[in-house]
Protein backbone atom coordinates (compact mmCIF):
# COMPACT_ATOMS: atom_id res chain seq x y z
CA MET A 1 0.00 0.00 0.00
CA ASN A 2 1.48 3.36 -0.92
CA ARG A 3 1.55 6.32 1.48
CA ARG A 4 -1.19 8.27 -0.28
CA THR A 5 -3.54 5.25 -0.25
CA TYR A 6 -2.81 4.59 3.41
CA LEU A 7 -3.34 8.16 4.49
CA GLY A 8 -6.64 8.21 2.62
CA ALA A 9 -7.75 5.16 4.56
CA VAL A 10 -6.85 6.44 8.02
CA ALA A 11 -7.85 10.04 7.57
CA THR A 12 -11.17 9.86 5.75
CA GLY A 13 -13.17 9.80 8.96
CA ALA A 14 -11.33 12.81 10.33
CA VAL A 15 -11.84 15.10 7.39
CA ALA A 16 -14.94 13.82 5.67
CA GLY A 17 -17.99 15.94 6.34
CA VAL A 18 -16.01 19.06 7.25
CA ALA A 19 -14.43 19.60 3.88
CA GLY A 20 -15.78 18.29 0.61
CA CYS A 21 -13.97 17.93 -2.65
CA LEU A 22 -13.03 21.11 -4.39
CA GLY A 23 -15.79 22.11 -6.72
CA SER A 24 -15.99 23.80 -10.07
CA SER A 25 -14.95 27.43 -10.35
CA GLU A 26 -17.00 28.17 -13.48
CA GLU A 27 -18.98 30.93 -11.78
CA ILE A 28 -15.86 32.84 -10.69
CA ASP A 29 -13.77 34.64 -13.29
CA ALA A 30 -10.31 33.08 -13.01
CA ASP A 31 -8.64 35.99 -14.78
CA GLU A 32 -10.12 38.56 -12.41
CA TYR A 33 -10.18 36.47 -9.22
CA PRO A 34 -7.55 33.71 -9.60
CA VAL A 35 -7.37 32.77 -5.90
CA ALA A 36 -11.14 32.66 -5.45
CA ALA A 37 -11.57 30.68 -8.67
CA TRP A 38 -8.93 28.14 -7.59
CA ALA A 39 -10.68 27.70 -4.22
CA ASP A 40 -14.21 27.79 -5.66
CA GLY A 41 -14.89 30.78 -3.44
CA GLU A 42 -13.84 29.21 -0.13
CA ILE A 43 -10.45 28.30 1.28
CA GLU A 44 -10.61 25.58 3.92
CA PHE A 45 -7.55 25.83 6.15
CA GLY A 46 -6.52 22.51 7.76
CA LEU A 47 -5.43 22.74 11.40
CA PRO A 48 -3.50 20.00 13.27
CA PRO A 49 -4.60 19.02 16.80
CA PHE A 50 -1.81 20.69 18.77
CA GLN A 51 -4.45 22.61 20.76
CA ASP A 52 -8.15 22.38 21.50
CA ALA A 53 -10.19 22.88 18.29
CA GLU A 54 -12.06 25.90 19.67
CA GLU A 55 -8.80 27.53 20.75
CA LEU A 56 -7.27 26.88 17.33
CA GLN A 57 -10.20 28.58 15.60
CA ARG A 58 -9.77 31.61 17.85
CA ASN A 59 -6.01 31.75 17.34
CA TYR A 60 -6.24 31.54 13.56
CA GLY A 61 -9.28 33.82 13.24
CA GLY A 62 -7.17 36.88 12.45
CA THR A 63 -5.24 34.98 9.78
CA PHE A 64 -8.49 33.88 8.13
CA GLU A 65 -9.80 37.45 8.21
CA TRP A 66 -6.58 38.83 6.70
CA LEU A 67 -6.68 36.32 3.85
CA GLU A 68 -10.34 37.04 3.19
CA ASP A 69 -9.69 40.79 3.10
CA GLY A 70 -6.91 40.33 0.56
CA PHE A 71 -8.92 38.50 -2.11
CA ASP A 72 -12.33 39.35 -3.54
CA GLU A 73 -15.02 36.67 -3.83
CA LEU A 74 -13.32 34.55 -1.15
CA THR A 75 -14.08 33.26 2.34
CA VAL A 76 -11.69 31.34 4.62
CA GLU A 77 -12.75 28.71 7.17
CA GLY A 78 -10.71 26.63 9.61
CA THR A 79 -10.94 22.84 9.43
CA PRO A 80 -9.68 21.15 12.63
CA THR A 81 -8.44 17.58 12.24
CA THR A 82 -8.15 14.80 14.79
CA ASP A 83 -4.58 13.67 14.15
CA TYR A 84 -1.43 14.55 12.24
CA SER A 85 -2.02 12.02 9.47
CA ALA A 86 -5.43 13.60 8.83
CA VAL A 87 -4.11 17.13 8.39
CA VAL A 88 -1.51 16.12 5.79
CA GLU A 89 -4.09 14.00 4.00
CA SER A 90 -6.47 16.96 3.94
CA VAL A 91 -4.07 19.10 1.89
CA LEU A 92 -2.65 16.28 -0.24
CA GLN A 93 -6.07 15.15 -1.39
CA GLY A 94 -7.60 18.64 -1.71
CA HIS A 95 -10.08 18.32 1.16
CA THR A 96 -8.49 21.57 2.34
CA GLU A 97 -6.77 24.07 0.10
CA ILE A 98 -4.27 25.17 2.76
CA ALA A 99 -2.97 23.37 5.85
CA ASN A 100 -0.61 24.09 8.72
CA LEU A 101 1.82 21.14 8.84
CA SER A 102 4.16 20.17 11.66
CA PRO A 103 7.87 19.96 10.70
CA ILE A 104 7.92 16.15 10.58
CA ILE A 105 4.76 15.89 8.51
CA PHE A 106 5.93 18.72 6.25
CA SER A 107 9.14 16.80 5.52
CA LEU A 108 6.94 13.97 4.31
CA ALA A 109 4.51 16.13 2.37
CA MET A 110 7.28 17.88 0.44
CA ASP A 111 7.81 14.62 -1.45
CA ASP A 112 4.20 14.84 -2.59
CA GLY A 113 4.61 18.37 -3.90
CA VAL A 114 2.87 20.62 -1.37
CA HIS A 115 3.76 24.29 -1.78
CA PRO A 116 5.32 26.00 1.29
CA LEU A 117 3.80 29.45 1.81
CA ALA A 118 5.31 30.58 5.10
CA ILE A 119 6.94 29.44 8.34
CA ASN A 120 5.17 30.12 11.61
CA TRP A 121 7.30 32.34 13.87
CA SER A 122 6.76 32.85 17.60
CA HIS A 123 8.49 35.19 20.04
CA GLY A 124 10.68 36.49 17.23
CA SER A 125 12.07 33.07 16.31
CA ASP A 126 11.56 30.52 13.55
CA ALA A 127 12.33 27.64 15.93
CA TYR A 128 11.25 26.36 19.35
CA HIS A 129 11.95 23.51 21.77
CA THR A 130 10.13 20.71 23.46
CA TYR A 131 10.36 20.24 27.21
CA ILE A 132 10.20 17.09 29.26
CA ALA A 133 8.86 17.89 32.72
CA THR A 134 7.68 16.24 35.89
CA ARG A 135 6.00 17.27 39.15
CA ALA A 136 8.16 18.62 41.95
CA GLU A 137 7.06 15.95 44.43
CA THR A 138 8.34 13.06 42.30
CA ASP A 139 11.85 11.65 42.70
CA ILE A 140 12.57 12.31 39.01
CA GLU A 141 15.51 14.68 38.51
CA THR A 142 17.10 13.56 35.22
CA LEU A 143 16.08 11.68 32.11
CA ASP A 144 17.72 8.56 33.52
CA ASP A 145 15.07 8.59 36.26
CA LEU A 146 12.34 8.05 33.64
CA ASP A 147 13.33 4.40 33.29
CA ASP A 148 10.20 2.28 33.86
CA ARG A 149 7.96 5.38 34.14
CA THR A 150 5.01 6.65 32.07
CA ILE A 151 5.40 9.78 29.96
CA GLY A 152 2.56 11.79 28.47
CA MET A 153 3.15 12.77 24.84
CA VAL A 154 1.04 14.26 22.06
CA ASP A 155 1.05 12.15 18.89
CA PRO A 156 3.58 9.72 17.35
CA PHE A 157 4.09 12.08 14.38
CA SER A 158 4.11 15.37 16.28
CA ALA A 159 7.59 16.92 16.11
CA SER A 160 7.66 18.48 19.57
CA GLY A 161 5.14 16.11 21.13
CA GLY A 162 6.47 12.80 19.84
CA ILE A 163 9.52 12.57 17.57
CA PHE A 164 11.86 15.08 19.23
CA PRO A 165 11.21 14.08 22.87
CA ARG A 166 11.74 10.43 22.00
CA TYR A 167 14.95 11.38 20.20
CA THR A 168 16.04 13.37 23.27
CA LEU A 169 15.38 10.36 25.51
CA SER A 170 17.27 8.11 23.10
CA GLU A 171 20.25 10.46 23.12
CA ALA A 172 20.21 10.23 26.94
CA GLY A 173 20.66 6.47 26.69
CA LEU A 174 17.09 5.23 27.11
CA ASP A 175 15.45 2.82 24.71
CA ALA A 176 12.85 5.18 23.25
CA GLY A 177 11.77 2.92 20.38
CA THR A 178 10.76 4.36 17.02
CA VAL A 179 7.45 5.10 15.34
CA GLU A 180 7.48 1.39 14.42
CA THR A 181 8.34 0.05 17.89
CA GLU A 182 7.38 0.63 21.50
CA PRO A 183 9.94 2.11 23.92
CA GLY A 184 11.84 -0.47 25.89
CA ASP A 185 12.55 1.63 28.98
CA PHE A 186 9.32 3.58 29.56
CA ASP A 187 5.65 3.73 28.57
CA ILE A 188 3.93 6.46 26.57
CA ASP A 189 0.44 7.82 27.19
CA TRP A 190 -0.61 9.50 23.93
CA ALA A 191 -2.71 12.48 25.04
CA GLY A 192 -3.61 13.92 21.62
CA GLY A 193 -2.54 17.54 22.27
CA HIS A 194 0.18 19.56 24.00
CA ASP A 195 -2.32 21.01 26.47
CA ALA A 196 -3.66 17.52 27.15
CA ALA A 197 -0.17 16.06 27.70
CA LEU A 198 0.57 18.78 30.23
CA ARG A 199 -2.82 18.34 31.87
CA VAL A 200 -2.39 14.59 32.48
CA LEU A 201 0.93 15.42 34.15
CA GLU A 202 -0.60 18.16 36.32
CA GLU A 203 -3.41 15.80 37.32
CA GLY A 204 -0.94 13.04 38.29
CA HIS A 205 -1.94 10.49 35.63
CA VAL A 206 1.63 10.22 34.28
CA ASP A 207 5.09 10.61 35.77
CA ALA A 208 6.35 13.10 33.17
CA ALA A 209 5.20 14.82 29.99
CA ALA A 210 6.64 16.22 26.77
CA TYR A 211 5.15 19.40 25.31
CA GLY A 212 6.14 22.31 23.09
CA ASP A 213 7.45 25.46 24.72
CA PHE A 214 4.47 27.40 23.38
CA GLN A 215 2.45 25.63 26.08
CA HIS A 216 2.79 26.99 29.61
CA PRO A 217 2.00 25.10 32.84
CA ASP A 218 -0.65 26.61 35.10
CA ASP A 219 0.85 24.69 38.00
CA ASP A 220 4.01 26.01 39.70
CA ASN A 221 4.62 22.42 40.76
CA ILE A 222 5.75 21.48 37.23
CA VAL A 223 9.55 21.12 36.92
CA LYS A 224 11.40 20.91 33.58
CA ILE A 225 14.15 18.30 33.43
CA ALA A 226 15.16 18.43 29.72
CA GLU A 227 14.98 20.57 26.60
CA SER A 228 15.28 19.37 23.01
CA ASP A 229 17.38 20.66 20.13
CA PRO A 230 15.76 23.58 18.27
CA ILE A 231 12.75 22.62 16.15
CA PRO A 232 11.69 24.82 13.23
CA PHE A 233 8.07 25.88 13.44
CA ASP A 234 5.19 24.58 11.37
CA VAL A 235 4.84 25.41 7.69
CA VAL A 236 1.71 26.79 6.06
CA THR A 237 1.27 24.88 2.80
CA ALA A 238 -1.02 24.78 -0.23
CA THR A 239 -2.19 21.77 -2.21
CA PRO A 240 0.21 20.20 -4.73
CA ASP A 241 -1.91 21.28 -7.71
CA THR A 242 -2.07 24.96 -6.72
CA PRO A 243 -1.23 27.17 -9.74
CA ASP A 244 2.00 29.16 -9.50
CA ASP A 245 0.25 32.53 -9.61
CA VAL A 246 -2.03 31.49 -6.75
CA VAL A 247 0.93 30.20 -4.73
CA GLU A 248 2.70 33.54 -5.12
CA ALA A 249 -0.41 35.55 -4.25
CA LEU A 250 -1.09 33.47 -1.11
CA ARG A 251 2.58 33.50 -0.10
CA GLU A 252 2.81 37.28 -0.41
CA ARG A 253 -0.44 37.87 1.44
CA ILE A 254 0.15 35.54 4.39
CA GLN A 255 3.73 36.71 4.93
CA ALA A 256 2.40 40.28 5.13
CA THR A 257 -0.07 39.50 7.94
CA PRO A 258 0.01 42.51 10.32
CA ASP A 259 0.60 42.18 14.05
CA GLU A 260 -2.95 43.20 14.92
CA TYR A 261 -4.32 40.13 13.10
CA LEU A 262 -2.12 37.86 15.23
CA GLU A 263 -2.99 39.17 18.69
CA GLU A 264 -4.87 35.97 19.62
CA HIS A 265 -2.30 33.69 18.01
CA ARG A 266 0.78 31.94 19.40
CA VAL A 267 2.29 32.89 16.02
CA ASP A 268 3.58 36.47 15.91
CA GLN A 269 4.81 36.44 12.31
CA TYR A 270 4.61 34.38 9.13
CA GLY A 271 8.17 34.26 7.85
CA GLU A 272 9.74 33.31 4.55
CA TYR A 273 10.24 29.59 3.99
CA ASP A 274 13.84 28.39 4.43
CA ALA A 275 14.44 24.81 3.27
CA SER A 276 17.72 24.50 5.21
CA LEU A 277 15.87 24.69 8.54
CA TYR A 278 14.26 21.32 7.88
CA GLU A 279 17.39 19.30 7.09
CA GLN A 280 17.98 18.29 10.72
CA VAL A 281 14.28 17.55 11.11
CA ARG A 282 14.49 15.01 8.33
CA GLU A 283 17.64 13.46 9.81
CA ILE A 284 15.99 13.06 13.22
CA ALA A 285 12.82 11.76 11.60
CA GLU A 286 14.84 9.06 9.84
CA GLU A 287 16.69 8.27 13.09
CA MET A 288 13.28 7.67 14.71
CA GLY A 289 12.03 5.51 11.84
CA VAL A 290 10.10 8.10 9.85
CA ASP A 291 12.04 7.78 6.60
CA ILE A 292 9.93 7.97 3.48
CA GLU A 293 10.37 4.32 2.55
CA THR A 294 8.98 2.92 5.82
CA LEU A 295 6.44 5.60 6.74
CA ASP A 296 3.39 3.57 5.68
CA GLU A 297 4.33 0.67 7.97
CA ALA A 298 5.16 3.02 10.85
CA GLU A 299 1.80 4.78 10.59
CA GLY A 300 0.02 1.44 10.37
CA ASP A 301 1.58 0.24 13.61
CA ASP A 302 0.44 3.42 15.38
């Protein structure tokens, strides 16, 4: 089974019903309104589950408004997805015209021809970290102490909530497994979101948790014990069949998003895409078993 066929099988339930196939653009003049004609009057913007769906809609609301204001005959709607396979499938198959892809998933999707429009920036940087933390009352002080413990994480294919923390634990000498195998030295509780991974730690359901540094504990009792290598932020992408003139128009518009449209967002700027930032991501992905050749089998096991 090839990757596209597999992703279609696992993701149909997550995206069907919220985003139909792209329709005909006969009623919209493509010469006068190329972006609107390409999108049949509505851009559906795929959102991965790194936060609660309602919070994601609020965070991205300004971005949707800015895009709408920039193109006549066009509306923009957010389409939350339930997992990271679903969001890449949504943009590969045209269920959504645009999608925000995590670094790991973006590395995959590049081989299928998605068009990078912009990199998410936050706090003036194009990269971030993932933390591994515990509660102050535990006896866990270093990564070595996580042997035979349970760690809350986000999703097997989340960069900061799955791949990078497991790589960090592997570098510390623990058997962290790969996307194809279970860890040998600890258990993972897949929480489904960064906020959820932190919450199960705060509530005492797990011994430690991994979460992106854009998430902030509400509990002063949370103690960080490790920080990952830098991770480039997510990439906003368009479908593989997007015409060049539409790609350029979308790229220019989204990178020009003003600060006031990002006040509710963890993103404070949409920066220019830099391919070199994702070279290490791909190397780490391959180290953790997410090379292109074996991705189908790895996803199937998860």
